[in-house]
Amino acid sequence: MTTRLYVGGLSFNTTEDEVRQLFSQIGELRSCRLVRDRDSKQSRGFAFVEMASEEEAQQAISRFNGYHLDGRALTVSEAREKAEDHGGRR
């Protein structure tokens, strides 16, 4: 079973390949997606990675939460499901 992780605190200059290489040091990386602004295509400073197992995900959290990459401290945690935002509309 795969586990999805949130990776925050990324430099706007960090590439998806750099995130992929970092997390693949732990084990099998199923997916990696650097989140970008819809209009400018500039990185928004966070990504989602999917590790092949819960054990690898926990190792990645332990190893990379607080890890410095491109001069920035990363925040790594299990990703939460996106809450529905109705914005007061019905």
Protein backbone atom coordinates (compact mmCIF):
# COMPACT_ATOMS: atom_id res chain seq x y z
CA MET A 1 0.00 0.00 0.00
CA THR A 2 1.37 3.41 -0.95
CA THR A 3 1.59 6.37 1.41
CA ARG A 4 1.36 9.94 0.19
CA LEU A 5 3.60 12.56 1.78
CA TYR A 6 3.47 16.35 1.83
CA VAL A 7 6.85 18.03 1.32
CA GLY A 8 6.82 21.73 2.20
CA GLY A 9 9.40 24.46 2.56
CA LEU A 10 10.89 23.86 -0.87
CA SER A 11 12.88 26.62 -2.53
CA PHE A 12 11.14 28.00 -5.61
CA ASN A 13 14.28 26.87 -7.48
CA THR A 14 14.08 23.22 -6.40
CA THR A 15 13.07 20.94 -9.27
CA GLU A 16 10.81 17.92 -9.27
CA ASP A 17 13.82 15.79 -10.26
CA GLU A 18 15.73 16.95 -7.15
CA VAL A 19 12.79 15.98 -4.92
CA ARG A 20 12.50 12.65 -6.73
CA GLN A 21 16.23 11.91 -6.27
CA LEU A 22 16.12 12.83 -2.58
CA PHE A 23 13.17 10.59 -1.69
CA SER A 24 14.30 7.68 -3.87
CA GLN A 25 17.26 7.34 -1.46
CA ILE A 26 14.78 5.84 1.02
CA GLY A 27 13.13 3.31 -1.25
CA GLU A 28 10.66 2.95 -4.08
CA LEU A 29 9.08 6.24 -5.06
CA ARG A 30 5.77 5.68 -6.83
CA SER A 31 5.14 9.30 -7.79
CA CYS A 32 6.38 12.84 -7.27
CA ARG A 33 4.50 16.02 -8.13
CA LEU A 34 5.89 19.50 -7.60
CA VAL A 35 2.92 21.86 -7.25
CA ARG A 36 3.08 24.87 -9.56
CA ASP A 37 1.06 28.05 -9.96
CA ARG A 38 -1.57 27.54 -12.63
CA ASP A 39 -0.79 30.79 -14.47
CA SER A 40 2.93 31.50 -13.98
CA LYS A 41 4.04 27.83 -13.74
CA GLN A 42 6.33 28.93 -10.85
CA SER A 43 6.79 26.40 -8.05
CA ARG A 44 4.51 27.03 -5.07
CA GLY A 45 7.15 25.65 -2.68
CA PHE A 46 5.65 22.25 -1.96
CA ALA A 47 5.28 18.81 -3.47
CA PHE A 48 3.57 15.48 -2.93
CA VAL A 49 5.49 12.22 -3.06
CA GLU A 50 4.09 8.73 -2.87
CA MET A 51 6.23 6.05 -1.27
CA ALA A 52 5.66 2.35 -2.00
CA SER A 53 5.11 1.38 1.63
CA GLU A 54 4.13 2.84 4.99
CA GLU A 55 7.53 1.83 6.38
CA GLU A 56 9.40 3.75 3.68
CA ALA A 57 7.13 6.75 4.19
CA GLN A 58 7.89 6.81 7.92
CA GLN A 59 11.62 6.54 7.18
CA ALA A 60 11.34 9.47 4.77
CA ILE A 61 9.54 11.57 7.39
CA SER A 62 12.16 10.74 10.01
CA ARG A 63 15.06 11.45 7.71
CA PHE A 64 13.87 14.48 5.76
CA ASN A 65 11.62 16.47 8.12
CA GLY A 66 13.92 19.41 8.97
CA TYR A 67 16.44 18.39 6.28
CA HIS A 68 18.04 21.34 4.48
CA LEU A 69 17.70 21.36 0.70
CA ASP A 70 18.69 24.39 -1.37
CA GLY A 71 19.12 26.39 1.84
CA ARG A 72 15.61 25.68 3.15
CA ALA A 73 14.42 23.36 5.93
CA LEU A 74 11.87 20.86 4.63
CA THR A 75 8.61 19.96 6.32
CA VAL A 76 7.68 16.36 5.60
CA SER A 77 4.49 14.72 6.88
CA GLU A 78 1.74 12.39 5.78
CA ALA A 79 -0.50 14.22 3.33
CA ARG A 80 -4.02 14.95 4.48
CA GLU A 81 -6.97 14.59 2.18
CA LYS A 82 -8.08 17.87 0.68
CA ALA A 83 -11.10 19.14 2.57
CA GLU A 84 -14.08 20.18 0.51
CA ASP A 85 -14.29 23.95 0.44
CA HIS A 86 -17.77 25.18 -0.22
CA GLY A 87 -16.79 28.79 0.46
CA GLY A 88 -20.18 29.53 1.95
CA ARG A 89 -21.89 28.71 -1.34
CA ARG A 90 -24.71 26.23 -1.70
